[in-house]
N, C-alpha and C. Protein backbone atom coordinates (compact mmCIF):
# COMPACT_ATOMS: atom_id res chain seq x y z
N MET A 1 36.30 -83.54 147.48
CA MET A 1 37.01 -84.38 146.53
C MET A 1 37.37 -83.60 145.28
N LYS A 2 36.39 -82.84 144.75
CA LYS A 2 36.63 -82.06 143.55
C LYS A 2 37.68 -80.99 143.80
N SER A 3 37.63 -80.35 144.98
CA SER A 3 38.61 -79.30 145.28
C SER A 3 40.00 -79.89 145.44
N ALA A 4 40.11 -81.11 145.96
CA ALA A 4 41.42 -81.77 146.07
C ALA A 4 41.99 -82.05 144.69
N ALA A 5 41.17 -82.48 143.75
CA ALA A 5 41.63 -82.74 142.39
C ALA A 5 42.08 -81.46 141.71
N ILE A 6 41.34 -80.40 141.91
CA ILE A 6 41.70 -79.10 141.32
C ILE A 6 43.01 -78.62 141.93
N LEU A 7 43.15 -78.77 143.27
CA LEU A 7 44.38 -78.37 143.92
C LEU A 7 45.56 -79.17 143.39
N SER A 8 45.37 -80.49 143.25
CA SER A 8 46.43 -81.35 142.73
C SER A 8 46.82 -80.95 141.31
N LEU A 9 45.82 -80.68 140.46
CA LEU A 9 46.08 -80.25 139.09
C LEU A 9 46.80 -78.91 139.07
N SER A 10 46.36 -77.99 139.91
CA SER A 10 46.98 -76.66 139.97
C SER A 10 48.44 -76.77 140.39
N VAL A 11 48.70 -77.59 141.41
CA VAL A 11 50.08 -77.78 141.87
C VAL A 11 50.91 -78.41 140.76
N GLY A 12 50.35 -79.42 140.09
CA GLY A 12 51.07 -80.07 138.99
C GLY A 12 51.37 -79.12 137.86
N LEU A 13 50.41 -78.28 137.48
CA LEU A 13 50.64 -77.32 136.40
C LEU A 13 51.64 -76.25 136.80
N PHE A 14 51.72 -75.95 138.11
CA PHE A 14 52.69 -74.98 138.57
C PHE A 14 54.09 -75.60 138.63
N ILE A 15 54.19 -76.81 139.16
CA ILE A 15 55.49 -77.45 139.38
C ILE A 15 56.09 -77.97 138.09
N LEU A 16 55.32 -78.57 137.21
CA LEU A 16 55.84 -79.19 135.99
C LEU A 16 56.69 -78.23 135.16
N PRO A 17 56.22 -77.02 134.85
CA PRO A 17 57.09 -76.13 134.05
C PRO A 17 58.38 -75.78 134.77
N HIS A 18 58.35 -75.69 136.09
CA HIS A 18 59.57 -75.34 136.81
C HIS A 18 60.59 -76.47 136.77
N PHE A 19 60.14 -77.73 136.81
CA PHE A 19 61.07 -78.84 136.65
C PHE A 19 61.62 -78.86 135.24
N ALA A 20 60.81 -78.58 134.24
CA ALA A 20 61.28 -78.57 132.85
C ALA A 20 62.34 -77.49 132.66
N ILE A 21 62.09 -76.32 133.26
CA ILE A 21 63.05 -75.23 133.14
C ILE A 21 64.33 -75.56 133.90
N ALA A 22 64.18 -76.15 135.09
CA ALA A 22 65.35 -76.45 135.91
C ALA A 22 66.27 -77.45 135.21
N GLU A 23 65.71 -78.40 134.48
CA GLU A 23 66.53 -79.39 133.79
C GLU A 23 67.12 -78.83 132.50
N GLY A 24 66.53 -77.82 131.95
CA GLY A 24 67.02 -77.22 130.72
C GLY A 24 66.26 -77.73 129.52
N VAL A 25 65.95 -76.81 128.64
CA VAL A 25 65.23 -77.12 127.42
C VAL A 25 66.21 -77.00 126.27
N THR A 26 66.27 -78.03 125.43
CA THR A 26 67.18 -77.99 124.28
C THR A 26 66.71 -76.92 123.30
N VAL A 27 67.62 -76.07 122.90
CA VAL A 27 67.33 -74.97 121.98
C VAL A 27 68.45 -74.90 120.94
N PRO A 28 68.21 -74.20 119.83
CA PRO A 28 69.30 -74.02 118.86
C PRO A 28 70.36 -73.07 119.42
N LEU A 29 71.55 -73.17 118.88
CA LEU A 29 72.64 -72.27 119.24
C LEU A 29 72.25 -70.85 118.83
N PRO A 30 72.43 -69.86 119.70
CA PRO A 30 72.07 -68.48 119.33
C PRO A 30 72.88 -67.99 118.14
N VAL A 31 72.26 -67.15 117.33
CA VAL A 31 72.91 -66.55 116.17
C VAL A 31 72.96 -65.05 116.40
N ARG A 32 74.16 -64.49 116.29
CA ARG A 32 74.30 -63.04 116.44
C ARG A 32 73.84 -62.33 115.17
N LYS A 33 73.31 -61.14 115.36
CA LYS A 33 72.88 -60.32 114.23
C LYS A 33 74.08 -60.06 113.33
N PRO A 34 73.94 -60.26 112.02
CA PRO A 34 75.07 -60.01 111.12
C PRO A 34 75.44 -58.52 111.11
N GLY A 35 76.73 -58.27 111.00
CA GLY A 35 77.20 -56.89 110.90
C GLY A 35 78.45 -56.65 111.71
N HIS A 36 78.68 -55.38 112.02
CA HIS A 36 79.87 -54.91 112.72
C HIS A 36 79.65 -55.03 114.22
N TRP A 37 80.49 -55.82 114.88
CA TRP A 37 80.44 -56.01 116.32
C TRP A 37 81.76 -55.58 116.94
N GLN A 38 81.69 -55.00 118.13
CA GLN A 38 82.88 -54.72 118.92
C GLN A 38 82.96 -55.83 119.97
N ILE A 39 84.06 -56.55 119.99
CA ILE A 39 84.24 -57.72 120.85
C ILE A 39 85.34 -57.42 121.87
N THR A 40 85.02 -57.59 123.15
CA THR A 40 86.01 -57.43 124.21
C THR A 40 86.19 -58.78 124.89
N THR A 41 87.43 -59.26 124.90
CA THR A 41 87.76 -60.55 125.49
C THR A 41 88.67 -60.33 126.70
N VAL A 42 88.34 -61.00 127.80
CA VAL A 42 89.17 -60.96 129.00
C VAL A 42 89.57 -62.40 129.31
N ALA A 43 90.88 -62.64 129.33
CA ALA A 43 91.41 -63.97 129.65
C ALA A 43 92.77 -63.80 130.29
N GLN A 44 93.12 -64.72 131.17
CA GLN A 44 94.40 -64.65 131.85
C GLN A 44 95.55 -64.63 130.86
N SER A 45 95.43 -65.38 129.78
CA SER A 45 96.54 -65.50 128.82
C SER A 45 96.78 -64.25 127.99
N ILE A 46 95.72 -63.42 127.78
CA ILE A 46 95.89 -62.25 126.92
C ILE A 46 95.52 -60.93 127.60
N GLY A 47 95.00 -60.99 128.81
CA GLY A 47 94.52 -59.78 129.47
C GLY A 47 93.20 -59.36 128.83
N MET A 48 92.99 -58.06 128.66
CA MET A 48 91.77 -57.57 128.03
C MET A 48 92.11 -57.01 126.65
N LYS A 49 91.43 -57.51 125.65
CA LYS A 49 91.63 -57.07 124.27
C LYS A 49 90.26 -56.72 123.67
N THR A 50 90.20 -55.62 122.98
CA THR A 50 88.98 -55.21 122.28
C THR A 50 89.30 -55.08 120.80
N PHE A 51 88.44 -55.65 119.97
CA PHE A 51 88.64 -55.56 118.53
C PHE A 51 87.28 -55.50 117.85
N ASP A 52 87.30 -55.11 116.60
CA ASP A 52 86.10 -55.05 115.79
C ASP A 52 86.08 -56.26 114.86
N ALA A 53 84.87 -56.78 114.62
CA ALA A 53 84.73 -57.94 113.74
C ALA A 53 83.47 -57.80 112.91
N CYS A 54 83.52 -58.32 111.72
CA CYS A 54 82.35 -58.37 110.85
C CYS A 54 81.81 -59.80 110.94
N LEU A 55 80.65 -59.96 111.57
CA LEU A 55 80.08 -61.28 111.79
C LEU A 55 78.96 -61.56 110.80
N THR A 56 78.86 -62.82 110.43
CA THR A 56 77.77 -63.26 109.55
C THR A 56 76.90 -64.24 110.33
N GLU A 57 75.76 -64.61 109.76
CA GLU A 57 74.87 -65.57 110.42
C GLU A 57 75.52 -66.94 110.58
N SER A 58 76.53 -67.23 109.76
CA SER A 58 77.17 -68.55 109.83
C SER A 58 78.31 -68.62 110.85
N ASP A 59 78.66 -67.49 111.50
CA ASP A 59 79.72 -67.50 112.51
C ASP A 59 79.20 -68.13 113.79
N ASN A 60 79.80 -69.25 114.19
CA ASN A 60 79.40 -69.97 115.39
C ASN A 60 79.82 -69.19 116.62
N ILE A 61 78.90 -68.95 117.54
CA ILE A 61 79.18 -68.13 118.72
C ILE A 61 80.14 -68.81 119.70
N VAL A 62 80.26 -70.13 119.63
CA VAL A 62 81.14 -70.84 120.56
C VAL A 62 82.49 -71.14 119.94
N THR A 63 82.52 -71.72 118.75
CA THR A 63 83.80 -72.12 118.14
C THR A 63 84.29 -71.14 117.08
N GLY A 64 83.49 -70.16 116.71
CA GLY A 64 83.90 -69.18 115.71
C GLY A 64 83.53 -69.59 114.30
N THR A 65 83.72 -70.84 113.96
CA THR A 65 83.37 -71.36 112.64
C THR A 65 82.69 -72.71 112.83
N GLU A 66 82.12 -73.22 111.79
CA GLU A 66 81.57 -74.58 111.85
C GLU A 66 82.73 -75.54 111.64
N ASP A 67 83.45 -75.83 112.71
CA ASP A 67 84.63 -76.67 112.66
C ASP A 67 84.23 -78.13 112.50
N PRO A 68 84.68 -78.79 111.42
CA PRO A 68 84.32 -80.19 111.22
C PRO A 68 84.91 -81.12 112.28
N ASN A 69 85.90 -80.62 113.05
CA ASN A 69 86.50 -81.42 114.11
C ASN A 69 85.75 -81.32 115.43
N CYS A 70 84.66 -80.54 115.44
CA CYS A 70 83.86 -80.38 116.65
C CYS A 70 82.56 -81.16 116.51
N GLY A 71 82.14 -81.75 117.62
CA GLY A 71 80.86 -82.45 117.64
C GLY A 71 79.70 -81.47 117.64
N LYS A 72 78.50 -82.01 117.60
CA LYS A 72 77.30 -81.18 117.67
C LYS A 72 77.19 -80.58 119.07
N PRO A 73 76.99 -79.26 119.16
CA PRO A 73 76.89 -78.65 120.48
C PRO A 73 75.63 -79.11 121.21
N ASP A 74 75.78 -79.33 122.52
CA ASP A 74 74.65 -79.58 123.40
C ASP A 74 74.24 -78.22 123.95
N VAL A 75 73.06 -77.74 123.57
CA VAL A 75 72.61 -76.39 123.91
C VAL A 75 71.35 -76.48 124.74
N LYS A 76 71.38 -75.90 125.93
CA LYS A 76 70.23 -75.92 126.83
C LYS A 76 69.93 -74.51 127.32
N ARG A 77 68.64 -74.18 127.41
CA ARG A 77 68.22 -72.89 127.98
C ARG A 77 67.65 -73.16 129.37
N ILE A 78 68.11 -72.38 130.33
CA ILE A 78 67.54 -72.38 131.67
C ILE A 78 67.25 -70.92 132.00
N HIS A 79 65.98 -70.61 132.05
CA HIS A 79 65.50 -69.23 132.23
C HIS A 79 66.07 -68.37 131.10
N ASP A 80 66.85 -67.33 131.42
CA ASP A 80 67.38 -66.45 130.37
C ASP A 80 68.85 -66.73 130.05
N GLU A 81 69.34 -67.89 130.46
CA GLU A 81 70.73 -68.26 130.20
C GLU A 81 70.78 -69.47 129.28
N ILE A 82 71.79 -69.49 128.43
CA ILE A 82 71.98 -70.60 127.51
C ILE A 82 73.32 -71.26 127.85
N PHE A 83 73.27 -72.57 128.07
CA PHE A 83 74.47 -73.35 128.39
C PHE A 83 74.83 -74.19 127.18
N VAL A 84 76.10 -74.13 126.79
CA VAL A 84 76.56 -74.86 125.60
C VAL A 84 77.79 -75.68 125.97
N ASN A 85 77.77 -76.94 125.57
CA ASN A 85 78.92 -77.82 125.71
C ASN A 85 79.22 -78.43 124.35
N VAL A 86 80.49 -78.40 123.97
CA VAL A 86 80.89 -78.98 122.69
C VAL A 86 82.29 -79.57 122.85
N VAL A 87 82.54 -80.68 122.18
CA VAL A 87 83.84 -81.34 122.21
C VAL A 87 84.47 -81.24 120.83
N CYS A 88 85.71 -80.79 120.79
CA CYS A 88 86.45 -80.68 119.52
C CYS A 88 87.71 -81.55 119.60
N LYS A 89 88.05 -82.17 118.50
CA LYS A 89 89.28 -82.96 118.39
C LYS A 89 90.33 -82.11 117.68
N THR A 90 91.54 -82.12 118.20
CA THR A 90 92.64 -81.40 117.56
C THR A 90 93.81 -82.35 117.40
N ALA A 91 94.84 -81.89 116.75
CA ALA A 91 96.05 -82.71 116.60
C ALA A 91 96.69 -82.99 117.95
N ASN A 92 96.42 -82.11 118.93
CA ASN A 92 97.01 -82.26 120.27
C ASN A 92 96.14 -83.03 121.25
N GLY A 93 94.91 -83.38 120.87
CA GLY A 93 94.01 -84.09 121.79
C GLY A 93 92.58 -83.60 121.68
N THR A 94 91.93 -83.50 122.82
CA THR A 94 90.52 -83.11 122.87
C THR A 94 90.36 -81.80 123.62
N GLN A 95 89.46 -80.95 123.13
CA GLN A 95 89.08 -79.72 123.81
C GLN A 95 87.61 -79.81 124.15
N LYS A 96 87.28 -79.61 125.42
CA LYS A 96 85.89 -79.54 125.84
C LYS A 96 85.59 -78.09 126.15
N ILE A 97 84.64 -77.51 125.42
CA ILE A 97 84.28 -76.11 125.59
C ILE A 97 82.93 -76.04 126.27
N SER A 98 82.88 -75.35 127.42
CA SER A 98 81.64 -75.14 128.15
C SER A 98 81.43 -73.64 128.25
N SER A 99 80.26 -73.18 127.80
CA SER A 99 79.98 -71.74 127.77
C SER A 99 78.62 -71.42 128.35
N LEU A 100 78.53 -70.27 129.00
CA LEU A 100 77.29 -69.70 129.47
C LEU A 100 77.06 -68.44 128.65
N LEU A 101 75.94 -68.37 127.95
CA LEU A 101 75.64 -67.23 127.07
C LEU A 101 74.43 -66.47 127.59
N THR A 102 74.53 -65.16 127.58
CA THR A 102 73.40 -64.30 127.91
C THR A 102 73.36 -63.16 126.90
N GLY A 103 72.24 -62.50 126.79
CA GLY A 103 72.10 -61.36 125.89
C GLY A 103 70.94 -61.55 124.94
N ASP A 104 70.71 -60.53 124.12
CA ASP A 104 69.66 -60.64 123.10
C ASP A 104 70.24 -61.03 121.75
N PHE A 105 71.55 -61.02 121.62
CA PHE A 105 72.30 -61.42 120.42
C PHE A 105 71.97 -60.55 119.20
N GLN A 106 71.22 -59.49 119.43
CA GLN A 106 70.91 -58.50 118.39
C GLN A 106 71.66 -57.20 118.66
N THR A 107 71.82 -56.85 119.94
CA THR A 107 72.53 -55.63 120.31
C THR A 107 73.70 -55.90 121.26
N TRP A 108 73.64 -57.01 122.02
CA TRP A 108 74.71 -57.34 122.95
C TRP A 108 74.65 -58.83 123.31
N TYR A 109 75.77 -59.32 123.80
CA TYR A 109 75.83 -60.67 124.37
C TYR A 109 77.05 -60.78 125.27
N ARG A 110 77.02 -61.77 126.15
CA ARG A 110 78.17 -62.11 126.98
C ARG A 110 78.34 -63.62 126.95
N SER A 111 79.58 -64.04 126.82
CA SER A 111 79.94 -65.46 126.84
C SER A 111 80.99 -65.67 127.92
N ILE A 112 80.70 -66.56 128.85
CA ILE A 112 81.69 -66.96 129.85
C ILE A 112 82.02 -68.41 129.51
N SER A 113 83.28 -68.64 129.13
CA SER A 113 83.66 -69.96 128.61
C SER A 113 84.85 -70.55 129.35
N LYS A 114 84.84 -71.89 129.41
CA LYS A 114 85.96 -72.64 129.94
C LYS A 114 86.31 -73.70 128.92
N VAL A 115 87.59 -73.80 128.60
CA VAL A 115 88.08 -74.83 127.69
C VAL A 115 88.98 -75.76 128.50
N THR A 116 88.68 -77.06 128.44
CA THR A 116 89.47 -78.07 129.13
C THR A 116 90.22 -78.88 128.07
N PHE A 117 91.54 -78.99 128.26
CA PHE A 117 92.39 -79.69 127.31
C PHE A 117 92.75 -81.08 127.84
N ASP A 118 92.61 -82.09 126.99
CA ASP A 118 92.99 -83.45 127.36
C ASP A 118 93.80 -84.06 126.22
N PRO A 119 95.10 -84.22 126.36
CA PRO A 119 95.91 -83.91 127.54
C PRO A 119 96.14 -82.40 127.64
N PRO A 120 96.64 -81.94 128.79
CA PRO A 120 96.95 -80.51 128.93
C PRO A 120 97.89 -80.04 127.82
N GLN A 121 97.67 -78.82 127.34
CA GLN A 121 98.52 -78.27 126.27
C GLN A 121 99.54 -77.33 126.87
N ASP A 122 100.79 -77.63 126.63
CA ASP A 122 101.90 -76.85 127.20
C ASP A 122 101.76 -76.71 128.71
N GLY A 123 101.30 -77.79 129.37
CA GLY A 123 101.13 -77.78 130.82
C GLY A 123 99.86 -77.11 131.31
N VAL A 124 99.03 -76.64 130.40
CA VAL A 124 97.80 -75.92 130.77
C VAL A 124 96.61 -76.88 130.63
N PRO A 125 95.96 -77.23 131.76
CA PRO A 125 94.83 -78.15 131.67
C PRO A 125 93.52 -77.49 131.24
N HIS A 126 93.39 -76.18 131.52
CA HIS A 126 92.17 -75.47 131.13
C HIS A 126 92.43 -73.97 131.09
N MET A 127 91.56 -73.28 130.43
CA MET A 127 91.62 -71.82 130.37
C MET A 127 90.21 -71.28 130.31
N GLY A 128 90.05 -70.04 130.68
CA GLY A 128 88.74 -69.43 130.65
C GLY A 128 88.79 -68.06 130.00
N ALA A 129 87.64 -67.60 129.57
CA ALA A 129 87.54 -66.27 128.95
C ALA A 129 86.13 -65.74 129.13
N THR A 130 86.04 -64.43 129.26
CA THR A 130 84.75 -63.74 129.23
C THR A 130 84.78 -62.86 127.99
N ILE A 131 83.73 -62.97 127.20
CA ILE A 131 83.64 -62.22 125.95
C ILE A 131 82.37 -61.39 125.98
N ASP A 132 82.51 -60.08 125.75
CA ASP A 132 81.36 -59.18 125.63
C ASP A 132 81.29 -58.67 124.21
N GLY A 133 80.12 -58.78 123.60
CA GLY A 133 79.92 -58.29 122.25
C GLY A 133 78.90 -57.17 122.23
N LYS A 134 79.19 -56.13 121.47
CA LYS A 134 78.29 -54.99 121.33
C LYS A 134 78.09 -54.73 119.84
N PHE A 135 76.84 -54.74 119.39
CA PHE A 135 76.55 -54.51 117.98
C PHE A 135 76.77 -53.04 117.66
N ILE A 136 77.56 -52.77 116.61
CA ILE A 136 77.86 -51.39 116.20
C ILE A 136 76.96 -50.96 115.05
N GLY A 137 76.76 -51.83 114.07
CA GLY A 137 75.91 -51.48 112.94
C GLY A 137 75.87 -52.60 111.91
N PRO A 138 74.96 -52.48 110.94
CA PRO A 138 74.77 -53.56 109.98
C PRO A 138 75.85 -53.66 108.90
N THR A 139 76.62 -52.60 108.71
CA THR A 139 77.61 -52.64 107.63
C THR A 139 79.02 -52.71 108.20
N CYS A 140 79.87 -53.38 107.46
CA CYS A 140 81.27 -53.53 107.83
C CYS A 140 82.12 -52.95 106.71
N ASP A 141 83.25 -52.37 107.09
CA ASP A 141 84.21 -51.99 106.06
C ASP A 141 85.52 -52.69 106.39
N GLU A 142 86.40 -52.77 105.43
CA GLU A 142 87.62 -53.54 105.60
C GLU A 142 88.51 -53.00 106.72
N LYS A 143 88.35 -51.73 107.08
CA LYS A 143 89.17 -51.16 108.15
C LYS A 143 88.77 -51.70 109.52
N THR A 144 87.52 -52.13 109.68
CA THR A 144 87.06 -52.56 111.01
C THR A 144 87.20 -54.05 111.24
N ILE A 145 87.35 -54.84 110.21
CA ILE A 145 87.36 -56.28 110.38
C ILE A 145 88.63 -56.75 111.08
N GLU A 146 88.44 -57.43 112.23
CA GLU A 146 89.53 -58.05 112.99
C GLU A 146 90.64 -57.06 113.34
N GLN A 147 90.30 -55.82 113.56
CA GLN A 147 91.29 -54.82 113.94
C GLN A 147 91.04 -54.41 115.39
N PRO A 148 92.10 -53.99 116.10
CA PRO A 148 91.87 -53.48 117.47
C PRO A 148 90.89 -52.31 117.42
N ALA A 149 89.98 -52.28 118.38
CA ALA A 149 88.97 -51.22 118.43
C ALA A 149 89.64 -49.89 118.77
N THR A 150 89.10 -48.83 118.22
CA THR A 150 89.60 -47.50 118.52
C THR A 150 88.86 -46.97 119.73
N LYS A 151 89.54 -46.20 120.53
CA LYS A 151 88.91 -45.57 121.69
C LYS A 151 88.04 -44.42 121.20
N LYS A 152 86.79 -44.40 121.68
CA LYS A 152 85.88 -43.33 121.25
C LYS A 152 85.53 -42.45 122.42
């Protein structure tokens, strides 16, 4: 009887965390380390573009800024991945942004995002992008901010 109770408790302690992880744990939105980042974006609409940006702790990783037209992001962690959903209102309708984030956000990160437009904008119902960020250093100069990255 005692061994059955211990077995039941052991199984429960093993299974419970896995169900909690599988459903996702609410976490804060990741914050990238402030400083000079090299950002590479791949999207059907623009191809592949690489540029340098000076990021601060207040730069939102999903919307770029704290847009008052966007709702509070729903942020969940499942294992080492962070899932973010946020809805923004625009003059043209609603944008639903769904993103999968990975990385340490101190030296690198990757964002795979899908934006769904309701109604479709210019006939486009949705678009996607993959964004890779690489931390370059803690200081920014005016030459690197929002400029195309130089080939090194």
